[in-house]
């Protein structure tokens, strides 16, 4: 892996997404062989929000992931750090609130949202643990978090085949369908460098989320993690940050408490 290509400043990553914004959703459908729609549908089902509730869709990009909530009467806020992505989304769906924001310093008050979600964007955050703590801060006590992210296939042979696709076939396809194929080289490398399902589940617990579980999709290519914000007195403006600062236990000790529903 070319580690240098992953060492990008947040503004460089934002610019990269600005460049690919016009064709981003189409390219994703091609590269995933149409699976992105199924994955996003499962995320919406896991959120289980009702009309009138307020949802934060972080790393929403062009708002494709936000549309099902808006269509169901949910008050959804699409937040992303790429102005190019937000502009494309706002032109297509002027009825959705698109807000520019840094995932590690969200521009929202404490306990604002009934539920929060982020799909295929957490690994692009410079400090993902801070993002998890920030989402805890802005979610109401008892509120839900759902994360969809690329992960590690659970079958060794399938994992090898998937890695070869990521590092060889995906960039080659991107050259033909994207205006910025280098962006997809970065994305492929970021997927391969991302921690596995248990590590992300441990990060959630470290940040202060509870009832953490995950479900593998497409053999573990994608994992949907679910968690809930505590409803007790432990909540407060800095609950997420404090939980992160206080945690000192190794990942291995946390794994015992993670439930894993059917894969």
Protein backbone atom coordinates (compact mmCIF):
# COMPACT_ATOMS: atom_id res chain seq x y z
CA UNK A 1 0.00 0.00 0.00
CA UNK A 2 1.17 3.50 -0.76
CA UNK A 3 0.79 5.04 2.68
CA UNK A 4 1.71 8.48 1.38
CA UNK A 5 -1.50 8.62 -0.62
CA UNK A 6 -3.52 8.20 2.61
CA UNK A 7 -1.72 11.03 4.40
CA UNK A 8 -3.99 13.76 3.08
CA UNK A 9 -5.07 16.87 4.95
CA UNK A 10 -8.83 17.27 5.49
CA UNK A 11 -8.94 20.10 2.94
CA UNK A 12 -7.21 17.88 0.36
CA UNK A 13 -9.78 15.13 0.90
CA UNK A 14 -12.60 17.67 0.62
CA UNK A 15 -11.18 18.97 -2.67
CA UNK A 16 -10.91 15.41 -3.96
CA UNK A 17 -14.61 14.82 -3.25
CA UNK A 18 -15.50 18.19 -4.80
CA UNK A 19 -13.85 16.99 -8.03
CA UNK A 20 -15.82 13.74 -8.25
CA UNK A 21 -19.16 15.12 -7.01
CA UNK A 22 -21.02 15.35 -10.36
CA UNK A 23 -20.66 11.62 -11.13
CA UNK A 24 -20.06 10.28 -7.64
CA UNK A 25 -23.32 8.36 -7.21
CA UNK A 26 -23.20 6.85 -10.70
CA UNK A 27 -19.59 5.71 -10.26
CA UNK A 28 -20.42 4.16 -6.89
CA UNK A 29 -23.24 2.14 -8.45
CA UNK A 30 -20.87 0.86 -11.16
CA UNK A 31 -18.00 -0.01 -8.81
CA UNK A 32 -20.27 -1.77 -6.30
CA UNK A 33 -22.18 -3.59 -9.05
CA UNK A 34 -25.38 -1.99 -7.82
CA UNK A 35 -24.99 -3.11 -4.20
CA UNK A 36 -24.87 0.42 -2.74
CA UNK A 37 -28.64 0.75 -3.07
CA UNK A 38 -29.24 -2.44 -1.09
CA UNK A 39 -26.74 -1.42 1.58
CA UNK A 40 -28.33 2.00 2.00
CA UNK A 41 -31.81 0.47 2.20
CA UNK A 42 -30.66 -1.74 5.08
CA UNK A 43 -29.27 1.33 6.87
CA UNK A 44 -32.63 3.11 6.60
CA UNK A 45 -34.39 0.03 8.00
CA UNK A 46 -31.93 -0.15 10.90
CA UNK A 47 -32.50 3.53 11.72
CA UNK A 48 -36.24 2.85 12.19
CA UNK A 49 -37.15 6.55 12.43
CA UNK A 50 -40.62 8.01 12.09
CA UNK A 51 -42.09 11.06 10.39
CA UNK A 52 -41.47 14.18 12.44
CA UNK A 53 -38.26 12.92 14.01
CA UNK A 54 -34.96 14.65 13.30
CA UNK A 55 -32.01 12.77 11.80
CA UNK A 56 -28.38 13.71 11.21
CA UNK A 57 -26.99 12.16 8.04
CA UNK A 58 -23.27 12.78 8.34
CA UNK A 59 -20.94 12.52 5.32
CA UNK A 60 -24.13 12.71 3.29
CA UNK A 61 -22.35 13.87 0.14
CA UNK A 62 -24.91 14.60 -2.56
CA UNK A 63 -27.76 13.54 -0.29
CA UNK A 64 -28.51 10.17 -1.85
CA UNK A 65 -28.50 8.62 1.62
CA UNK A 66 -30.73 11.42 2.97
CA UNK A 67 -33.51 11.14 0.40
CA UNK A 68 -35.36 8.13 1.89
CA UNK A 69 -35.76 9.99 5.19
CA UNK A 70 -37.04 13.17 3.53
CA UNK A 71 -39.44 11.13 1.41
CA UNK A 72 -40.84 9.53 4.60
CA UNK A 73 -41.46 12.89 6.29
CA UNK A 74 -38.38 12.72 8.52
CA UNK A 75 -36.60 16.02 9.21
CA UNK A 76 -33.16 15.07 7.88
CA UNK A 77 -30.04 17.24 7.90
CA UNK A 78 -27.43 16.28 5.29
CA UNK A 79 -24.02 17.30 6.61
CA UNK A 80 -20.73 17.00 4.71
CA UNK A 81 -17.34 18.73 4.49
CA UNK A 82 -17.35 18.83 0.67
CA UNK A 83 -19.05 21.96 -0.66
CA UNK A 84 -19.00 20.45 -4.16
CA UNK A 85 -21.01 17.45 -2.97
CA UNK A 86 -23.48 19.64 -1.08
CA UNK A 87 -24.06 21.90 -4.09
CA UNK A 88 -24.86 18.92 -6.32
CA UNK A 89 -27.25 17.57 -3.70
CA UNK A 90 -29.00 20.89 -3.10
CA UNK A 91 -29.66 21.36 -6.82
CA UNK A 92 -31.30 17.94 -6.98
CA UNK A 93 -33.18 18.09 -3.64
CA UNK A 94 -33.81 21.71 -2.57
CA UNK A 95 -36.23 20.45 0.09
CA UNK A 96 -33.40 18.86 2.14
CA UNK A 97 -31.23 20.90 4.52
CA UNK A 98 -27.60 20.62 3.38
CA UNK A 99 -25.09 21.92 5.90
CA UNK A 100 -21.30 22.08 5.62
CA UNK A 101 -19.58 20.73 8.70
CA UNK A 102 -16.51 19.02 10.10
CA UNK A 103 -17.37 15.62 11.60
CA UNK A 104 -14.94 16.24 14.48
CA UNK A 105 -16.54 19.63 15.33
CA UNK A 106 -20.18 19.37 14.39
CA UNK A 107 -22.07 22.69 14.10
CA UNK A 108 -25.03 21.48 16.15
CA UNK A 109 -26.12 21.84 19.77
CA UNK A 110 -26.09 18.98 22.27
CA UNK A 111 -28.97 16.49 22.11
CA UNK A 112 -30.34 17.82 18.80
CA UNK A 113 -31.13 14.65 16.82
CA UNK A 114 -33.35 11.64 17.49
CA UNK A 115 -30.89 9.49 15.53
CA UNK A 116 -27.60 9.88 13.67
CA UNK A 117 -26.07 7.95 10.81
CA UNK A 118 -22.99 7.94 8.60
CA UNK A 119 -22.56 5.74 5.53
CA UNK A 120 -19.19 5.08 3.90
CA UNK A 121 -17.71 8.28 5.27
CA UNK A 122 -16.25 7.54 8.69
CA UNK A 123 -12.99 6.19 7.29
CA UNK A 124 -12.46 9.50 5.46
CA UNK A 125 -12.60 11.48 8.70
CA UNK A 126 -9.16 12.50 9.92
CA UNK A 127 -9.98 11.55 13.54
CA UNK A 128 -12.84 9.02 13.43
CA UNK A 129 -12.97 8.53 17.19
CA UNK A 130 -13.68 12.23 17.65
CA UNK A 131 -16.47 11.94 15.09
CA UNK A 132 -18.05 9.11 17.09
CA UNK A 133 -17.88 11.25 20.24
CA UNK A 134 -19.37 14.22 18.40
CA UNK A 135 -22.26 12.16 17.09
CA UNK A 136 -22.90 11.01 20.66
CA UNK A 137 -22.97 14.64 21.80
CA UNK A 138 -25.54 15.80 19.24
CA UNK A 139 -27.80 12.73 19.56
CA UNK A 140 -30.58 12.80 22.15
CA UNK A 141 -30.37 10.46 25.17
CA UNK A 142 -31.66 7.06 24.11
CA UNK A 143 -31.14 7.95 20.45
CA UNK A 144 -29.74 5.55 17.89
CA UNK A 145 -26.60 5.53 15.76
CA UNK A 146 -26.24 3.48 12.57
CA UNK A 147 -22.96 3.27 10.66
CA UNK A 148 -22.41 1.59 7.31
CA UNK A 149 -18.77 1.20 6.37
CA UNK A 150 -16.56 -0.99 4.26
CA UNK A 151 -15.04 -3.71 6.43
CA UNK A 152 -13.16 -7.01 6.32
CA UNK A 153 -14.67 -10.03 4.52
CA UNK A 154 -15.07 -12.91 6.96
CA UNK A 155 -14.03 -15.71 4.56
CA UNK A 156 -10.23 -15.73 3.90
CA UNK A 157 -10.48 -16.64 0.21
CA UNK A 158 -13.16 -14.02 -0.41
CA UNK A 159 -11.04 -11.48 1.50
CA UNK A 160 -8.10 -12.12 -0.83
CA UNK A 161 -10.25 -11.80 -3.95
CA UNK A 162 -11.82 -8.60 -2.63
CA UNK A 163 -8.45 -7.03 -1.87
CA UNK A 164 -7.24 -7.81 -5.38
CA UNK A 165 -10.37 -6.19 -6.81
CA UNK A 166 -9.89 -3.09 -4.67
CA UNK A 167 -6.26 -2.53 -5.56
CA UNK A 168 -6.29 -3.60 -9.22
CA UNK A 169 -9.71 -3.70 -10.85
CA UNK A 170 -11.33 -0.76 -9.05
CA UNK A 171 -8.76 1.88 -10.12
CA UNK A 172 -8.83 0.52 -13.68
CA UNK A 173 -12.62 0.82 -13.85
CA UNK A 174 -12.47 4.29 -12.28
CA UNK A 175 -10.21 5.49 -15.11
CA UNK A 176 -13.07 4.81 -17.55
CA UNK A 177 -16.01 6.14 -15.54
CA UNK A 178 -14.60 8.90 -13.29
CA UNK A 179 -13.21 12.36 -13.96
CA UNK A 180 -10.70 11.86 -11.14
CA UNK A 181 -9.49 8.22 -11.03
CA UNK A 182 -6.80 9.10 -8.47
CA UNK A 183 -9.60 9.71 -5.98
CA UNK A 184 -10.66 6.08 -6.31
CA UNK A 185 -7.11 4.87 -5.77
CA UNK A 186 -7.24 6.77 -2.48
CA UNK A 187 -10.64 5.28 -1.66
CA UNK A 188 -9.43 1.74 -2.41
CA UNK A 189 -6.42 2.19 -0.15
CA UNK A 190 -8.51 3.74 2.62
CA UNK A 191 -10.85 0.73 2.54
CA UNK A 192 -7.98 -1.72 2.80
CA UNK A 193 -6.42 0.23 5.70
CA UNK A 194 -9.70 0.48 7.66
CA UNK A 195 -9.99 -1.62 10.87
CA UNK A 196 -12.23 -4.66 11.06
CA UNK A 197 -15.71 -5.00 12.50
CA UNK A 198 -14.69 -5.71 16.09
CA UNK A 199 -12.31 -2.75 16.22
CA UNK A 200 -14.98 -0.31 15.04
CA UNK A 201 -17.40 -1.79 17.58
CA UNK A 202 -14.78 -1.22 20.27
CA UNK A 203 -14.33 2.39 19.18
CA UNK A 204 -18.08 2.91 19.59
CA UNK A 205 -17.96 1.62 23.13
CA UNK A 206 -14.91 3.76 23.88
CA UNK A 207 -16.79 6.84 22.68
CA UNK A 208 -19.64 6.15 25.12
CA UNK A 209 -22.19 4.36 22.94
CA UNK A 210 -23.93 1.28 24.34
CA UNK A 211 -25.84 -1.77 22.99
CA UNK A 212 -23.26 -2.02 20.20
CA UNK A 213 -23.85 -4.66 17.55
CA UNK A 214 -23.10 -5.18 13.90
CA UNK A 215 -24.36 -7.06 10.88
CA UNK A 216 -22.14 -8.16 7.99
CA UNK A 217 -23.37 -7.54 4.45
CA UNK A 218 -22.04 -9.14 1.26
CA UNK A 219 -19.81 -11.49 3.22
CA UNK A 220 -18.30 -8.72 5.34
CA UNK A 221 -17.41 -6.31 2.53
CA UNK A 222 -19.69 -3.92 4.40
CA UNK A 223 -20.70 -3.94 8.05
CA UNK A 224 -23.64 -2.06 9.53
CA UNK A 225 -22.95 -1.11 13.15
CA UNK A 226 -25.75 -0.09 15.49
CA UNK A 227 -25.53 1.57 18.89
CA UNK A 228 -27.58 3.63 21.32
CA UNK A 229 -26.82 6.70 23.40
CA UNK A 230 -27.24 6.03 27.13
CA UNK A 231 -30.47 7.43 28.53
CA UNK A 232 -29.20 7.81 32.10
CA UNK A 233 -27.53 10.58 34.09
CA UNK A 234 -24.18 9.85 32.44
CA UNK A 235 -25.34 12.01 29.53
CA UNK A 236 -24.02 15.52 29.30
CA UNK A 237 -22.47 18.01 26.91
CA UNK A 238 -19.13 16.26 26.96
CA UNK A 239 -20.31 12.67 27.48
CA UNK A 240 -18.70 11.32 24.35
CA UNK A 241 -15.41 13.13 24.78
CA UNK A 242 -15.21 12.18 28.47
CA UNK A 243 -15.86 8.50 27.75
CA UNK A 244 -13.14 8.56 25.15
CA UNK A 245 -10.68 10.25 27.51
CA UNK A 246 -11.43 7.87 30.39
CA UNK A 247 -11.17 4.64 28.40
CA UNK A 248 -7.93 2.77 28.93
CA UNK A 249 -8.86 -0.86 28.25
CA UNK A 250 -7.56 -2.84 25.27
CA UNK A 251 -9.79 -3.84 22.39
CA UNK A 252 -9.67 -7.49 23.43
CA UNK A 253 -11.52 -6.76 26.69
CA UNK A 254 -14.24 -4.86 24.91
CA UNK A 255 -15.01 -7.58 22.38
CA UNK A 256 -16.63 -9.74 25.04
CA UNK A 257 -19.56 -7.32 25.28
CA UNK A 258 -20.23 -6.96 21.58
CA UNK A 259 -23.24 -8.81 20.22
CA UNK A 260 -23.22 -9.87 16.60
CA UNK A 261 -26.59 -10.54 14.96
CA UNK A 262 -26.93 -12.77 11.92
CA UNK A 263 -24.39 -12.11 9.19
